[in-house]
Amino acid sequence: MAKKSGIGQYFELGFLTSELILKNLSFVLFLGFLAVIYIANSRFAEKNVRQIQHLQRELRELRWQYMTLESENMYNSRQSELAEQLKDEHFEAFGTQPKRIVVQDKNDY
C-alpha cells in the first residue's frame, strides 16, 4: 500500500496517532478537567456579577425610598404642619411660649 502524500496524511488516524493519544490519555483527561473547571468558574463569576448588580439596584431603590420618607417626615414635623393637623382634630396651640420652672435645692441657701 502506498503512502498518501500531502495534507491528507495528517488528518488520517493511523497507528501512531492512536498510540500517541493513548499514551497521553491522562494528560488529555487532565486538560478536559481543567476546561470543565474553567467553564464552571466563569459561570459562577457571571452569576455573582448579576447578583451584585441586582443588589446594587435594590439598594439604590431603598435609598431613594428612605430619602423620600425622610423628606416627608421633616415636612410633616414642622410646627405649622403639626398645628394644621391638630386643628382638624379640634386641638389648639398655645399662643404663648411655655414657662420655665426652676427648682432650687436646699443646699443652694
Protein backbone atom coordinates (compact mmCIF):
# COMPACT_ATOMS: atom_id res chain seq x y z
CA MET A 1 0.00 0.00 0.00
CA ALA A 2 1.37 3.36 -0.97
CA LYS A 3 1.69 6.19 1.47
CA LYS A 4 -0.55 9.20 0.93
CA SER A 5 1.27 12.40 0.39
CA GLY A 6 0.08 15.89 1.16
CA ILE A 7 -2.25 17.23 3.81
CA GLY A 8 -4.50 14.18 3.86
CA GLN A 9 -1.95 12.11 5.76
CA TYR A 10 -2.16 14.44 8.78
CA PHE A 11 -5.93 14.05 9.13
CA GLU A 12 -5.88 10.27 8.94
CA LEU A 13 -5.92 8.47 12.30
CA GLY A 14 -3.24 5.93 11.97
CA PHE A 15 -1.47 3.62 14.36
CA LEU A 16 1.00 6.27 15.53
CA THR A 17 -1.70 8.84 16.21
CA SER A 18 -3.90 6.49 18.23
CA GLU A 19 -0.84 5.25 20.12
CA LEU A 20 0.13 8.84 20.88
CA ILE A 21 -3.37 9.62 22.21
CA LEU A 22 -3.46 6.51 24.36
CA LYS A 23 -0.01 7.21 25.71
CA ASN A 24 -1.03 10.73 26.75
CA LEU A 25 -4.59 9.89 27.80
CA SER A 26 -4.06 11.04 31.39
CA PHE A 27 -2.83 14.44 30.16
CA VAL A 28 -5.77 14.76 27.76
CA LEU A 29 -8.20 13.93 30.60
CA PHE A 30 -6.45 16.46 32.83
CA LEU A 31 -6.85 19.14 30.15
CA GLY A 32 -10.54 18.23 29.82
CA PHE A 33 -10.95 18.51 33.59
CA LEU A 34 -9.29 21.93 33.56
CA ALA A 35 -11.63 23.05 30.75
CA VAL A 36 -14.68 21.98 32.80
CA ILE A 37 -13.34 23.84 35.85
CA TYR A 38 -12.70 26.94 33.73
CA ILE A 39 -16.25 26.92 32.34
CA ALA A 40 -17.79 26.37 35.79
CA ASN A 41 -15.70 29.18 37.27
CA SER A 42 -16.74 31.65 34.56
CA ARG A 43 -20.43 30.78 35.03
CA PHE A 44 -20.09 31.19 38.80
CA ALA A 45 -18.41 34.58 38.33
CA GLU A 46 -21.14 35.77 35.93
CA LYS A 47 -23.80 34.65 38.40
CA ASN A 48 -22.10 36.62 41.18
CA VAL A 49 -21.83 39.72 38.99
CA ARG A 50 -25.56 39.53 38.14
CA GLN A 51 -26.42 39.13 41.83
CA ILE A 52 -24.22 42.10 42.79
CA GLN A 53 -25.89 44.27 40.12
CA HIS A 54 -29.34 43.23 41.37
CA LEU A 55 -28.41 44.07 44.97
CA GLN A 56 -26.95 47.44 43.92
CA ARG A 57 -30.18 48.27 42.07
CA GLU A 58 -32.24 47.25 45.11
CA LEU A 59 -30.00 49.31 47.42
CA ARG A 60 -30.40 52.37 45.17
CA GLU A 61 -34.20 52.00 45.24
CA LEU A 62 -34.22 51.59 49.02
CA ARG A 63 -32.02 54.67 49.40
CA TRP A 64 -34.48 56.68 47.26
CA GLN A 65 -37.34 55.40 49.38
CA TYR A 66 -35.51 56.37 52.58
CA MET A 67 -34.79 59.88 51.33
CA THR A 68 -38.42 60.32 50.27
CA LEU A 69 -39.73 59.19 53.64
CA GLU A 70 -37.19 61.33 55.47
CA SER A 71 -38.26 64.37 53.45
CA GLU A 72 -41.94 63.70 54.17
CA ASN A 73 -41.19 63.23 57.86
CA MET A 74 -39.29 66.52 58.05
CA TYR A 75 -42.14 68.32 56.27
CA ASN A 76 -44.83 66.78 58.50
CA SER A 77 -42.92 67.52 61.71
CA ARG A 78 -42.78 71.28 61.10
CA GLN A 79 -44.64 73.27 63.71
CA SER A 80 -47.03 74.81 61.18
CA GLU A 81 -47.91 71.39 59.76
CA LEU A 82 -48.46 69.94 63.22
CA ALA A 83 -50.70 72.88 64.15
CA GLU A 84 -52.73 72.38 60.98
CA GLN A 85 -53.09 68.64 61.59
CA LEU A 86 -54.10 69.19 65.21
CA LYS A 87 -56.61 71.88 64.20
CA ASP A 88 -58.50 69.20 62.27
CA GLU A 89 -58.78 67.22 65.50
CA HIS A 90 -60.01 70.29 67.47
CA PHE A 91 -56.75 70.93 69.31
CA GLU A 92 -55.38 74.42 69.51
CA ALA A 93 -51.80 75.50 70.02
CA PHE A 94 -50.97 77.88 72.84
CA GLY A 95 -50.32 81.42 71.78
CA THR A 96 -47.52 81.92 74.29
CA GLN A 97 -44.27 80.18 74.83
CA PRO A 98 -44.04 77.67 77.66
CA LYS A 99 -42.92 78.97 81.05
CA ARG A 100 -39.79 77.67 82.65
CA ILE A 101 -39.98 76.39 86.23
CA VAL A 102 -36.75 76.48 88.20
CA VAL A 103 -36.47 74.46 91.39
CA GLN A 104 -33.76 75.42 93.87
CA ASP A 105 -32.04 72.87 96.00
CA LYS A 106 -31.90 73.16 99.80
CA ASN A 107 -28.12 73.22 99.51
CA ASP A 108 -28.20 76.45 97.50
CA TYR A 109 -29.30 78.50 100.58
